Amino acid sequence: ARTGKIGDGKIFVTDVEKVIRIRT
């Protein structure tokens, strides 16, 4: 994603406590 110009963006990382697949 890097272009080297202003506005390339950000990445945020958070912990996930639980994931549930609705179908199964």
PDBML (XML) file of the C-alpha atoms, coordinates in Angstrom:
<?xml version="1.0" encoding="UTF-8" ?>
<PDBx:datablock datablockName="MODEL"
   xmlns:PDBx="http://pdbml.pdb.org/schema/pdbx-v50.xsd"
   xmlns:xsi="http://www.w3.org/2001/XMLSchema-instance"
   xsi:schemaLocation="http://pdbml.pdb.org/schema/pdbx-v50.xsd pdbx-v50.xsd">
   <PDBx:atom_siteCategory>
      <PDBx:atom_site id="1">
         <PDBx:B_iso_or_equiv>0.00</PDBx:B_iso_or_equiv>
         <PDBx:Cartn_x>0.000</PDBx:Cartn_x>
         <PDBx:Cartn_y>0.000</PDBx:Cartn_y>
         <PDBx:Cartn_z>0.000</PDBx:Cartn_z>
         <PDBx:auth_asym_id>A</PDBx:auth_asym_id>
         <PDBx:auth_atom_id>CA</PDBx:auth_atom_id>
         <PDBx:auth_comp_id>ALA</PDBx:auth_comp_id>
         <PDBx:auth_seq_id>1</PDBx:auth_seq_id>
         <PDBx:group_PDB>ATOM</PDBx:group_PDB>
         <PDBx:label_alt_id xsi:nil="true" />
         <PDBx:label_asym_id>A</PDBx:label_asym_id>
         <PDBx:label_atom_id>CA</PDBx:label_atom_id>
         <PDBx:label_comp_id>ALA</PDBx:label_comp_id>
         <PDBx:label_entity_id>1</PDBx:label_entity_id>
         <PDBx:label_seq_id>1</PDBx:label_seq_id>
         <PDBx:occupancy>1.00</PDBx:occupancy>
         <PDBx:pdbx_PDB_model_num>1</PDBx:pdbx_PDB_model_num>
         <PDBx:type_symbol>C</PDBx:type_symbol>
      </PDBx:atom_site>
      <PDBx:atom_site id="2">
         <PDBx:B_iso_or_equiv>0.00</PDBx:B_iso_or_equiv>
         <PDBx:Cartn_x>2.963</PDBx:Cartn_x>
         <PDBx:Cartn_y>2.372</PDBx:Cartn_y>
         <PDBx:Cartn_z>0.414</PDBx:Cartn_z>
         <PDBx:auth_asym_id>A</PDBx:auth_asym_id>
         <PDBx:auth_atom_id>CA</PDBx:auth_atom_id>
         <PDBx:auth_comp_id>ARG</PDBx:auth_comp_id>
         <PDBx:auth_seq_id>2</PDBx:auth_seq_id>
         <PDBx:group_PDB>ATOM</PDBx:group_PDB>
         <PDBx:label_alt_id xsi:nil="true" />
         <PDBx:label_asym_id>A</PDBx:label_asym_id>
         <PDBx:label_atom_id>CA</PDBx:label_atom_id>
         <PDBx:label_comp_id>ARG</PDBx:label_comp_id>
         <PDBx:label_entity_id>1</PDBx:label_entity_id>
         <PDBx:label_seq_id>2</PDBx:label_seq_id>
         <PDBx:occupancy>1.00</PDBx:occupancy>
         <PDBx:pdbx_PDB_model_num>1</PDBx:pdbx_PDB_model_num>
         <PDBx:type_symbol>C</PDBx:type_symbol>
      </PDBx:atom_site>
      <PDBx:atom_site id="3">
         <PDBx:B_iso_or_equiv>0.00</PDBx:B_iso_or_equiv>
         <PDBx:Cartn_x>3.351</PDBx:Cartn_x>
         <PDBx:Cartn_y>5.084</PDBx:Cartn_y>
         <PDBx:Cartn_z>-2.218</PDBx:Cartn_z>
         <PDBx:auth_asym_id>A</PDBx:auth_asym_id>
         <PDBx:auth_atom_id>CA</PDBx:auth_atom_id>
         <PDBx:auth_comp_id>THR</PDBx:auth_comp_id>
         <PDBx:auth_seq_id>3</PDBx:auth_seq_id>
         <PDBx:group_PDB>ATOM</PDBx:group_PDB>
         <PDBx:label_alt_id xsi:nil="true" />
         <PDBx:label_asym_id>A</PDBx:label_asym_id>
         <PDBx:label_atom_id>CA</PDBx:label_atom_id>
         <PDBx:label_comp_id>THR</PDBx:label_comp_id>
         <PDBx:label_entity_id>1</PDBx:label_entity_id>
         <PDBx:label_seq_id>3</PDBx:label_seq_id>
         <PDBx:occupancy>1.00</PDBx:occupancy>
         <PDBx:pdbx_PDB_model_num>1</PDBx:pdbx_PDB_model_num>
         <PDBx:type_symbol>C</PDBx:type_symbol>
      </PDBx:atom_site>
      <PDBx:atom_site id="4">
         <PDBx:B_iso_or_equiv>0.00</PDBx:B_iso_or_equiv>
         <PDBx:Cartn_x>5.705</PDBx:Cartn_x>
         <PDBx:Cartn_y>7.228</PDBx:Cartn_y>
         <PDBx:Cartn_z>-0.159</PDBx:Cartn_z>
         <PDBx:auth_asym_id>A</PDBx:auth_asym_id>
         <PDBx:auth_atom_id>CA</PDBx:auth_atom_id>
         <PDBx:auth_comp_id>GLY</PDBx:auth_comp_id>
         <PDBx:auth_seq_id>4</PDBx:auth_seq_id>
         <PDBx:group_PDB>ATOM</PDBx:group_PDB>
         <PDBx:label_alt_id xsi:nil="true" />
         <PDBx:label_asym_id>A</PDBx:label_asym_id>
         <PDBx:label_atom_id>CA</PDBx:label_atom_id>
         <PDBx:label_comp_id>GLY</PDBx:label_comp_id>
         <PDBx:label_entity_id>1</PDBx:label_entity_id>
         <PDBx:label_seq_id>4</PDBx:label_seq_id>
         <PDBx:occupancy>1.00</PDBx:occupancy>
         <PDBx:pdbx_PDB_model_num>1</PDBx:pdbx_PDB_model_num>
         <PDBx:type_symbol>C</PDBx:type_symbol>
      </PDBx:atom_site>
      <PDBx:atom_site id="5">
         <PDBx:B_iso_or_equiv>0.00</PDBx:B_iso_or_equiv>
         <PDBx:Cartn_x>3.315</PDBx:Cartn_x>
         <PDBx:Cartn_y>10.171</PDBx:Cartn_y>
         <PDBx:Cartn_z>-0.307</PDBx:Cartn_z>
         <PDBx:auth_asym_id>A</PDBx:auth_asym_id>
         <PDBx:auth_atom_id>CA</PDBx:auth_atom_id>
         <PDBx:auth_comp_id>LYS</PDBx:auth_comp_id>
         <PDBx:auth_seq_id>5</PDBx:auth_seq_id>
         <PDBx:group_PDB>ATOM</PDBx:group_PDB>
         <PDBx:label_alt_id xsi:nil="true" />
         <PDBx:label_asym_id>A</PDBx:label_asym_id>
         <PDBx:label_atom_id>CA</PDBx:label_atom_id>
         <PDBx:label_comp_id>LYS</PDBx:label_comp_id>
         <PDBx:label_entity_id>1</PDBx:label_entity_id>
         <PDBx:label_seq_id>5</PDBx:label_seq_id>
         <PDBx:occupancy>1.00</PDBx:occupancy>
         <PDBx:pdbx_PDB_model_num>1</PDBx:pdbx_PDB_model_num>
         <PDBx:type_symbol>C</PDBx:type_symbol>
      </PDBx:atom_site>
      <PDBx:atom_site id="6">
         <PDBx:B_iso_or_equiv>0.00</PDBx:B_iso_or_equiv>
         <PDBx:Cartn_x>1.196</PDBx:Cartn_x>
         <PDBx:Cartn_y>11.725</PDBx:Cartn_y>
         <PDBx:Cartn_z>2.402</PDBx:Cartn_z>
         <PDBx:auth_asym_id>A</PDBx:auth_asym_id>
         <PDBx:auth_atom_id>CA</PDBx:auth_atom_id>
         <PDBx:auth_comp_id>ILE</PDBx:auth_comp_id>
         <PDBx:auth_seq_id>6</PDBx:auth_seq_id>
         <PDBx:group_PDB>ATOM</PDBx:group_PDB>
         <PDBx:label_alt_id xsi:nil="true" />
         <PDBx:label_asym_id>A</PDBx:label_asym_id>
         <PDBx:label_atom_id>CA</PDBx:label_atom_id>
         <PDBx:label_comp_id>ILE</PDBx:label_comp_id>
         <PDBx:label_entity_id>1</PDBx:label_entity_id>
         <PDBx:label_seq_id>6</PDBx:label_seq_id>
         <PDBx:occupancy>1.00</PDBx:occupancy>
         <PDBx:pdbx_PDB_model_num>1</PDBx:pdbx_PDB_model_num>
         <PDBx:type_symbol>C</PDBx:type_symbol>
      </PDBx:atom_site>
      <PDBx:atom_site id="7">
         <PDBx:B_iso_or_equiv>0.00</PDBx:B_iso_or_equiv>
         <PDBx:Cartn_x>-2.124</PDBx:Cartn_x>
         <PDBx:Cartn_y>9.968</PDBx:Cartn_y>
         <PDBx:Cartn_z>2.944</PDBx:Cartn_z>
         <PDBx:auth_asym_id>A</PDBx:auth_asym_id>
         <PDBx:auth_atom_id>CA</PDBx:auth_atom_id>
         <PDBx:auth_comp_id>GLY</PDBx:auth_comp_id>
         <PDBx:auth_seq_id>7</PDBx:auth_seq_id>
         <PDBx:group_PDB>ATOM</PDBx:group_PDB>
         <PDBx:label_alt_id xsi:nil="true" />
         <PDBx:label_asym_id>A</PDBx:label_asym_id>
         <PDBx:label_atom_id>CA</PDBx:label_atom_id>
         <PDBx:label_comp_id>GLY</PDBx:label_comp_id>
         <PDBx:label_entity_id>1</PDBx:label_entity_id>
         <PDBx:label_seq_id>7</PDBx:label_seq_id>
         <PDBx:occupancy>1.00</PDBx:occupancy>
         <PDBx:pdbx_PDB_model_num>1</PDBx:pdbx_PDB_model_num>
         <PDBx:type_symbol>C</PDBx:type_symbol>
      </PDBx:atom_site>
      <PDBx:atom_site id="8">
         <PDBx:B_iso_or_equiv>0.00</PDBx:B_iso_or_equiv>
         <PDBx:Cartn_x>-0.902</PDBx:Cartn_x>
         <PDBx:Cartn_y>6.376</PDBx:Cartn_y>
         <PDBx:Cartn_z>2.473</PDBx:Cartn_z>
         <PDBx:auth_asym_id>A</PDBx:auth_asym_id>
         <PDBx:auth_atom_id>CA</PDBx:auth_atom_id>
         <PDBx:auth_comp_id>ASP</PDBx:auth_comp_id>
         <PDBx:auth_seq_id>8</PDBx:auth_seq_id>
         <PDBx:group_PDB>ATOM</PDBx:group_PDB>
         <PDBx:label_alt_id xsi:nil="true" />
         <PDBx:label_asym_id>A</PDBx:label_asym_id>
         <PDBx:label_atom_id>CA</PDBx:label_atom_id>
         <PDBx:label_comp_id>ASP</PDBx:label_comp_id>
         <PDBx:label_entity_id>1</PDBx:label_entity_id>
         <PDBx:label_seq_id>8</PDBx:label_seq_id>
         <PDBx:occupancy>1.00</PDBx:occupancy>
         <PDBx:pdbx_PDB_model_num>1</PDBx:pdbx_PDB_model_num>
         <PDBx:type_symbol>C</PDBx:type_symbol>
      </PDBx:atom_site>
      <PDBx:atom_site id="9">
         <PDBx:B_iso_or_equiv>0.00</PDBx:B_iso_or_equiv>
         <PDBx:Cartn_x>-2.981</PDBx:Cartn_x>
         <PDBx:Cartn_y>5.374</PDBx:Cartn_y>
         <PDBx:Cartn_z>5.500</PDBx:Cartn_z>
         <PDBx:auth_asym_id>A</PDBx:auth_asym_id>
         <PDBx:auth_atom_id>CA</PDBx:auth_atom_id>
         <PDBx:auth_comp_id>GLY</PDBx:auth_comp_id>
         <PDBx:auth_seq_id>9</PDBx:auth_seq_id>
         <PDBx:group_PDB>ATOM</PDBx:group_PDB>
         <PDBx:label_alt_id xsi:nil="true" />
         <PDBx:label_asym_id>A</PDBx:label_asym_id>
         <PDBx:label_atom_id>CA</PDBx:label_atom_id>
         <PDBx:label_comp_id>GLY</PDBx:label_comp_id>
         <PDBx:label_entity_id>1</PDBx:label_entity_id>
         <PDBx:label_seq_id>9</PDBx:label_seq_id>
         <PDBx:occupancy>1.00</PDBx:occupancy>
         <PDBx:pdbx_PDB_model_num>1</PDBx:pdbx_PDB_model_num>
         <PDBx:type_symbol>C</PDBx:type_symbol>
      </PDBx:atom_site>
      <PDBx:atom_site id="10">
         <PDBx:B_iso_or_equiv>0.00</PDBx:B_iso_or_equiv>
         <PDBx:Cartn_x>-2.763</PDBx:Cartn_x>
         <PDBx:Cartn_y>3.594</PDBx:Cartn_y>
         <PDBx:Cartn_z>8.828</PDBx:Cartn_z>
         <PDBx:auth_asym_id>A</PDBx:auth_asym_id>
         <PDBx:auth_atom_id>CA</PDBx:auth_atom_id>
         <PDBx:auth_comp_id>LYS</PDBx:auth_comp_id>
         <PDBx:auth_seq_id>10</PDBx:auth_seq_id>
         <PDBx:group_PDB>ATOM</PDBx:group_PDB>
         <PDBx:label_alt_id xsi:nil="true" />
         <PDBx:label_asym_id>A</PDBx:label_asym_id>
         <PDBx:label_atom_id>CA</PDBx:label_atom_id>
         <PDBx:label_comp_id>LYS</PDBx:label_comp_id>
         <PDBx:label_entity_id>1</PDBx:label_entity_id>
         <PDBx:label_seq_id>10</PDBx:label_seq_id>
         <PDBx:occupancy>1.00</PDBx:occupancy>
         <PDBx:pdbx_PDB_model_num>1</PDBx:pdbx_PDB_model_num>
         <PDBx:type_symbol>C</PDBx:type_symbol>
      </PDBx:atom_site>
      <PDBx:atom_site id="11">
         <PDBx:B_iso_or_equiv>0.00</PDBx:B_iso_or_equiv>
         <PDBx:Cartn_x>-3.025</PDBx:Cartn_x>
         <PDBx:Cartn_y>0.104</PDBx:Cartn_y>
         <PDBx:Cartn_z>10.286</PDBx:Cartn_z>
         <PDBx:auth_asym_id>A</PDBx:auth_asym_id>
         <PDBx:auth_atom_id>CA</PDBx:auth_atom_id>
         <PDBx:auth_comp_id>ILE</PDBx:auth_comp_id>
         <PDBx:auth_seq_id>11</PDBx:auth_seq_id>
         <PDBx:group_PDB>ATOM</PDBx:group_PDB>
         <PDBx:label_alt_id xsi:nil="true" />
         <PDBx:label_asym_id>A</PDBx:label_asym_id>
         <PDBx:label_atom_id>CA</PDBx:label_atom_id>
         <PDBx:label_comp_id>ILE</PDBx:label_comp_id>
         <PDBx:label_entity_id>1</PDBx:label_entity_id>
         <PDBx:label_seq_id>11</PDBx:label_seq_id>
         <PDBx:occupancy>1.00</PDBx:occupancy>
         <PDBx:pdbx_PDB_model_num>1</PDBx:pdbx_PDB_model_num>
         <PDBx:type_symbol>C</PDBx:type_symbol>
      </PDBx:atom_site>
      <PDBx:atom_site id="12">
         <PDBx:B_iso_or_equiv>0.00</PDBx:B_iso_or_equiv>
         <PDBx:Cartn_x>-4.715</PDBx:Cartn_x>
         <PDBx:Cartn_y>-0.577</PDBx:Cartn_y>
         <PDBx:Cartn_z>13.619</PDBx:Cartn_z>
         <PDBx:auth_asym_id>A</PDBx:auth_asym_id>
         <PDBx:auth_atom_id>CA</PDBx:auth_atom_id>
         <PDBx:auth_comp_id>PHE</PDBx:auth_comp_id>
         <PDBx:auth_seq_id>12</PDBx:auth_seq_id>
         <PDBx:group_PDB>ATOM</PDBx:group_PDB>
         <PDBx:label_alt_id xsi:nil="true" />
         <PDBx:label_asym_id>A</PDBx:label_asym_id>
         <PDBx:label_atom_id>CA</PDBx:label_atom_id>
         <PDBx:label_comp_id>PHE</PDBx:label_comp_id>
         <PDBx:label_entity_id>1</PDBx:label_entity_id>
         <PDBx:label_seq_id>12</PDBx:label_seq_id>
         <PDBx:occupancy>1.00</PDBx:occupancy>
         <PDBx:pdbx_PDB_model_num>1</PDBx:pdbx_PDB_model_num>
         <PDBx:type_symbol>C</PDBx:type_symbol>
      </PDBx:atom_site>
      <PDBx:atom_site id="13">
         <PDBx:B_iso_or_equiv>0.00</PDBx:B_iso_or_equiv>
         <PDBx:Cartn_x>-4.361</PDBx:Cartn_x>
         <PDBx:Cartn_y>-3.914</PDBx:Cartn_y>
         <PDBx:Cartn_z>15.434</PDBx:Cartn_z>
         <PDBx:auth_asym_id>A</PDBx:auth_asym_id>
         <PDBx:auth_atom_id>CA</PDBx:auth_atom_id>
         <PDBx:auth_comp_id>VAL</PDBx:auth_comp_id>
         <PDBx:auth_seq_id>13</PDBx:auth_seq_id>
         <PDBx:group_PDB>ATOM</PDBx:group_PDB>
         <PDBx:label_alt_id xsi:nil="true" />
         <PDBx:label_asym_id>A</PDBx:label_asym_id>
         <PDBx:label_atom_id>CA</PDBx:label_atom_id>
         <PDBx:label_comp_id>VAL</PDBx:label_comp_id>
         <PDBx:label_entity_id>1</PDBx:label_entity_id>
         <PDBx:label_seq_id>13</PDBx:label_seq_id>
         <PDBx:occupancy>1.00</PDBx:occupancy>
         <PDBx:pdbx_PDB_model_num>1</PDBx:pdbx_PDB_model_num>
         <PDBx:type_symbol>C</PDBx:type_symbol>
      </PDBx:atom_site>
      <PDBx:atom_site id="14">
         <PDBx:B_iso_or_equiv>0.00</PDBx:B_iso_or_equiv>
         <PDBx:Cartn_x>-6.640</PDBx:Cartn_x>
         <PDBx:Cartn_y>-5.051</PDBx:Cartn_y>
         <PDBx:Cartn_z>18.268</PDBx:Cartn_z>
         <PDBx:auth_asym_id>A</PDBx:auth_asym_id>
         <PDBx:auth_atom_id>CA</PDBx:auth_atom_id>
         <PDBx:auth_comp_id>THR</PDBx:auth_comp_id>
         <PDBx:auth_seq_id>14</PDBx:auth_seq_id>
         <PDBx:group_PDB>ATOM</PDBx:group_PDB>
         <PDBx:label_alt_id xsi:nil="true" />
         <PDBx:label_asym_id>A</PDBx:label_asym_id>
         <PDBx:label_atom_id>CA</PDBx:label_atom_id>
         <PDBx:label_comp_id>THR</PDBx:label_comp_id>
         <PDBx:label_entity_id>1</PDBx:label_entity_id>
         <PDBx:label_seq_id>14</PDBx:label_seq_id>
         <PDBx:occupancy>1.00</PDBx:occupancy>
         <PDBx:pdbx_PDB_model_num>1</PDBx:pdbx_PDB_model_num>
         <PDBx:type_symbol>C</PDBx:type_symbol>
      </PDBx:atom_site>
      <PDBx:atom_site id="15">
         <PDBx:B_iso_or_equiv>0.00</PDBx:B_iso_or_equiv>
         <PDBx:Cartn_x>-7.177</PDBx:Cartn_x>
         <PDBx:Cartn_y>-8.279</PDBx:Cartn_y>
         <PDBx:Cartn_z>20.195</PDBx:Cartn_z>
         <PDBx:auth_asym_id>A</PDBx:auth_asym_id>
         <PDBx:auth_atom_id>CA</PDBx:auth_atom_id>
         <PDBx:auth_comp_id>ASP</PDBx:auth_comp_id>
         <PDBx:auth_seq_id>15</PDBx:auth_seq_id>
         <PDBx:group_PDB>ATOM</PDBx:group_PDB>
         <PDBx:label_alt_id xsi:nil="true" />
         <PDBx:label_asym_id>A</PDBx:label_asym_id>
         <PDBx:label_atom_id>CA</PDBx:label_atom_id>
         <PDBx:label_comp_id>ASP</PDBx:label_comp_id>
         <PDBx:label_entity_id>1</PDBx:label_entity_id>
         <PDBx:label_seq_id>15</PDBx:label_seq_id>
         <PDBx:occupancy>1.00</PDBx:occupancy>
         <PDBx:pdbx_PDB_model_num>1</PDBx:pdbx_PDB_model_num>
         <PDBx:type_symbol>C</PDBx:type_symbol>
      </PDBx:atom_site>
      <PDBx:atom_site id="16">
         <PDBx:B_iso_or_equiv>0.00</PDBx:B_iso_or_equiv>
         <PDBx:Cartn_x>-10.202</PDBx:Cartn_x>
         <PDBx:Cartn_y>-10.425</PDBx:Cartn_y>
         <PDBx:Cartn_z>19.363</PDBx:Cartn_z>
         <PDBx:auth_asym_id>A</PDBx:auth_asym_id>
         <PDBx:auth_atom_id>CA</PDBx:auth_atom_id>
         <PDBx:auth_comp_id>VAL</PDBx:auth_comp_id>
         <PDBx:auth_seq_id>16</PDBx:auth_seq_id>
         <PDBx:group_PDB>ATOM</PDBx:group_PDB>
         <PDBx:label_alt_id xsi:nil="true" />
         <PDBx:label_asym_id>A</PDBx:label_asym_id>
         <PDBx:label_atom_id>CA</PDBx:label_atom_id>
         <PDBx:label_comp_id>VAL</PDBx:label_comp_id>
         <PDBx:label_entity_id>1</PDBx:label_entity_id>
         <PDBx:label_seq_id>16</PDBx:label_seq_id>
         <PDBx:occupancy>1.00</PDBx:occupancy>
         <PDBx:pdbx_PDB_model_num>1</PDBx:pdbx_PDB_model_num>
         <PDBx:type_symbol>C</PDBx:type_symbol>
      </PDBx:atom_site>
      <PDBx:atom_site id="17">
         <PDBx:B_iso_or_equiv>0.00</PDBx:B_iso_or_equiv>
         <PDBx:Cartn_x>-11.657</PDBx:Cartn_x>
         <PDBx:Cartn_y>-12.251</PDBx:Cartn_y>
         <PDBx:Cartn_z>22.337</PDBx:Cartn_z>
         <PDBx:auth_asym_id>A</PDBx:auth_asym_id>
         <PDBx:auth_atom_id>CA</PDBx:auth_atom_id>
         <PDBx:auth_comp_id>GLU</PDBx:auth_comp_id>
         <PDBx:auth_seq_id>17</PDBx:auth_seq_id>
         <PDBx:group_PDB>ATOM</PDBx:group_PDB>
         <PDBx:label_alt_id xsi:nil="true" />
         <PDBx:label_asym_id>A</PDBx:label_asym_id>
         <PDBx:label_atom_id>CA</PDBx:label_atom_id>
         <PDBx:label_comp_id>GLU</PDBx:label_comp_id>
         <PDBx:label_entity_id>1</PDBx:label_entity_id>
         <PDBx:label_seq_id>17</PDBx:label_seq_id>
         <PDBx:occupancy>1.00</PDBx:occupancy>
         <PDBx:pdbx_PDB_model_num>1</PDBx:pdbx_PDB_model_num>
         <PDBx:type_symbol>C</PDBx:type_symbol>
      </PDBx:atom_site>
      <PDBx:atom_site id="18">
         <PDBx:B_iso_or_equiv>0.00</PDBx:B_iso_or_equiv>
         <PDBx:Cartn_x>-14.076</PDBx:Cartn_x>
         <PDBx:Cartn_y>-14.511</PDBx:Cartn_y>
         <PDBx:Cartn_z>20.527</PDBx:Cartn_z>
         <PDBx:auth_asym_id>A</PDBx:auth_asym_id>
         <PDBx:auth_atom_id>CA</PDBx:auth_atom_id>
         <PDBx:auth_comp_id>LYS</PDBx:auth_comp_id>
         <PDBx:auth_seq_id>18</PDBx:auth_seq_id>
         <PDBx:group_PDB>ATOM</PDBx:group_PDB>
         <PDBx:label_alt_id xsi:nil="true" />
         <PDBx:label_asym_id>A</PDBx:label_asym_id>
         <PDBx:label_atom_id>CA</PDBx:label_atom_id>
         <PDBx:label_comp_id>LYS</PDBx:label_comp_id>
         <PDBx:label_entity_id>1</PDBx:label_entity_id>
         <PDBx:label_seq_id>18</PDBx:label_seq_id>
         <PDBx:occupancy>1.00</PDBx:occupancy>
         <PDBx:pdbx_PDB_model_num>1</PDBx:pdbx_PDB_model_num>
         <PDBx:type_symbol>C</PDBx:type_symbol>
      </PDBx:atom_site>
      <PDBx:atom_site id="19">
         <PDBx:B_iso_or_equiv>0.00</PDBx:B_iso_or_equiv>
         <PDBx:Cartn_x>-15.110</PDBx:Cartn_x>
         <PDBx:Cartn_y>-15.473</PDBx:Cartn_y>
         <PDBx:Cartn_z>17.000</PDBx:Cartn_z>
         <PDBx:auth_asym_id>A</PDBx:auth_asym_id>
         <PDBx:auth_atom_id>CA</PDBx:auth_atom_id>
         <PDBx:auth_comp_id>VAL</PDBx:auth_comp_id>
         <PDBx:auth_seq_id>19</PDBx:auth_seq_id>
         <PDBx:group_PDB>ATOM</PDBx:group_PDB>
         <PDBx:label_alt_id xsi:nil="true" />
         <PDBx:label_asym_id>A</PDBx:label_asym_id>
         <PDBx:label_atom_id>CA</PDBx:label_atom_id>
         <PDBx:label_comp_id>VAL</PDBx:label_comp_id>
         <PDBx:label_entity_id>1</PDBx:label_entity_id>
         <PDBx:label_seq_id>19</PDBx:label_seq_id>
         <PDBx:occupancy>1.00</PDBx:occupancy>
         <PDBx:pdbx_PDB_model_num>1</PDBx:pdbx_PDB_model_num>
         <PDBx:type_symbol>C</PDBx:type_symbol>
      </PDBx:atom_site>
      <PDBx:atom_site id="20">
         <PDBx:B_iso_or_equiv>0.00</PDBx:B_iso_or_equiv>
         <PDBx:Cartn_x>-18.239</PDBx:Cartn_x>
         <PDBx:Cartn_y>-17.473</PDBx:Cartn_y>
         <PDBx:Cartn_z>16.170</PDBx:Cartn_z>
         <PDBx:auth_asym_id>A</PDBx:auth_asym_id>
         <PDBx:auth_atom_id>CA</PDBx:auth_atom_id>
         <PDBx:auth_comp_id>ILE</PDBx:auth_comp_id>
         <PDBx:auth_seq_id>20</PDBx:auth_seq_id>
         <PDBx:group_PDB>ATOM</PDBx:group_PDB>
         <PDBx:label_alt_id xsi:nil="true" />
         <PDBx:label_asym_id>A</PDBx:label_asym_id>
         <PDBx:label_atom_id>CA</PDBx:label_atom_id>
         <PDBx:label_comp_id>ILE</PDBx:label_comp_id>
         <PDBx:label_entity_id>1</PDBx:label_entity_id>
         <PDBx:label_seq_id>20</PDBx:label_seq_id>
         <PDBx:occupancy>1.00</PDBx:occupancy>
         <PDBx:pdbx_PDB_model_num>1</PDBx:pdbx_PDB_model_num>
         <PDBx:type_symbol>C</PDBx:type_symbol>
      </PDBx:atom_site>
      <PDBx:atom_site id="21">
         <PDBx:B_iso_or_equiv>0.00</PDBx:B_iso_or_equiv>
         <PDBx:Cartn_x>-19.210</PDBx:Cartn_x>
         <PDBx:Cartn_y>-18.682</PDBx:Cartn_y>
         <PDBx:Cartn_z>12.699</PDBx:Cartn_z>
         <PDBx:auth_asym_id>A</PDBx:auth_asym_id>
         <PDBx:auth_atom_id>CA</PDBx:auth_atom_id>
         <PDBx:auth_comp_id>ARG</PDBx:auth_comp_id>
         <PDBx:auth_seq_id>21</PDBx:auth_seq_id>
         <PDBx:group_PDB>ATOM</PDBx:group_PDB>
         <PDBx:label_alt_id xsi:nil="true" />
         <PDBx:label_asym_id>A</PDBx:label_asym_id>
         <PDBx:label_atom_id>CA</PDBx:label_atom_id>
         <PDBx:label_comp_id>ARG</PDBx:label_comp_id>
         <PDBx:label_entity_id>1</PDBx:label_entity_id>
         <PDBx:label_seq_id>21</PDBx:label_seq_id>
         <PDBx:occupancy>1.00</PDBx:occupancy>
         <PDBx:pdbx_PDB_model_num>1</PDBx:pdbx_PDB_model_num>
         <PDBx:type_symbol>C</PDBx:type_symbol>
      </PDBx:atom_site>
      <PDBx:atom_site id="22">
         <PDBx:B_iso_or_equiv>0.00</PDBx:B_iso_or_equiv>
         <PDBx:Cartn_x>-22.976</PDBx:Cartn_x>
         <PDBx:Cartn_y>-18.124</PDBx:Cartn_y>
         <PDBx:Cartn_z>12.568</PDBx:Cartn_z>
         <PDBx:auth_asym_id>A</PDBx:auth_asym_id>
         <PDBx:auth_atom_id>CA</PDBx:auth_atom_id>
         <PDBx:auth_comp_id>ILE</PDBx:auth_comp_id>
         <PDBx:auth_seq_id>22</PDBx:auth_seq_id>
         <PDBx:group_PDB>ATOM</PDBx:group_PDB>
         <PDBx:label_alt_id xsi:nil="true" />
         <PDBx:label_asym_id>A</PDBx:label_asym_id>
         <PDBx:label_atom_id>CA</PDBx:label_atom_id>
         <PDBx:label_comp_id>ILE</PDBx:label_comp_id>
         <PDBx:label_entity_id>1</PDBx:label_entity_id>
         <PDBx:label_seq_id>22</PDBx:label_seq_id>
         <PDBx:occupancy>1.00</PDBx:occupancy>
         <PDBx:pdbx_PDB_model_num>1</PDBx:pdbx_PDB_model_num>
         <PDBx:type_symbol>C</PDBx:type_symbol>
      </PDBx:atom_site>
      <PDBx:atom_site id="23">
         <PDBx:B_iso_or_equiv>0.00</PDBx:B_iso_or_equiv>
         <PDBx:Cartn_x>-23.732</PDBx:Cartn_x>
         <PDBx:Cartn_y>-20.899</PDBx:Cartn_y>
         <PDBx:Cartn_z>10.076</PDBx:Cartn_z>
         <PDBx:auth_asym_id>A</PDBx:auth_asym_id>
         <PDBx:auth_atom_id>CA</PDBx:auth_atom_id>
         <PDBx:auth_comp_id>ARG</PDBx:auth_comp_id>
         <PDBx:auth_seq_id>23</PDBx:auth_seq_id>
         <PDBx:group_PDB>ATOM</PDBx:group_PDB>
         <PDBx:label_alt_id xsi:nil="true" />
         <PDBx:label_asym_id>A</PDBx:label_asym_id>
         <PDBx:label_atom_id>CA</PDBx:label_atom_id>
         <PDBx:label_comp_id>ARG</PDBx:label_comp_id>
         <PDBx:label_entity_id>1</PDBx:label_entity_id>
         <PDBx:label_seq_id>23</PDBx:label_seq_id>
         <PDBx:occupancy>1.00</PDBx:occupancy>
         <PDBx:pdbx_PDB_model_num>1</PDBx:pdbx_PDB_model_num>
         <PDBx:type_symbol>C</PDBx:type_symbol>
      </PDBx:atom_site>
      <PDBx:atom_site id="24">
         <PDBx:B_iso_or_equiv>0.00</PDBx:B_iso_or_equiv>
         <PDBx:Cartn_x>-22.041</PDBx:Cartn_x>
         <PDBx:Cartn_y>-23.743</PDBx:Cartn_y>
         <PDBx:Cartn_z>11.992</PDBx:Cartn_z>
         <PDBx:auth_asym_id>A</PDBx:auth_asym_id>
         <PDBx:auth_atom_id>CA</PDBx:auth_atom_id>
         <PDBx:auth_comp_id>THR</PDBx:auth_comp_id>
         <PDBx:auth_seq_id>24</PDBx:auth_seq_id>
         <PDBx:group_PDB>ATOM</PDBx:group_PDB>
         <PDBx:label_alt_id xsi:nil="true" />
         <PDBx:label_asym_id>A</PDBx:label_asym_id>
         <PDBx:label_atom_id>CA</PDBx:label_atom_id>
         <PDBx:label_comp_id>THR</PDBx:label_comp_id>
         <PDBx:label_entity_id>1</PDBx:label_entity_id>
         <PDBx:label_seq_id>24</PDBx:label_seq_id>
         <PDBx:occupancy>1.00</PDBx:occupancy>
         <PDBx:pdbx_PDB_model_num>1</PDBx:pdbx_PDB_model_num>
         <PDBx:type_symbol>C</PDBx:type_symbol>
      </PDBx:atom_site>
   </PDBx:atom_siteCategory>
</PDBx:datablock>
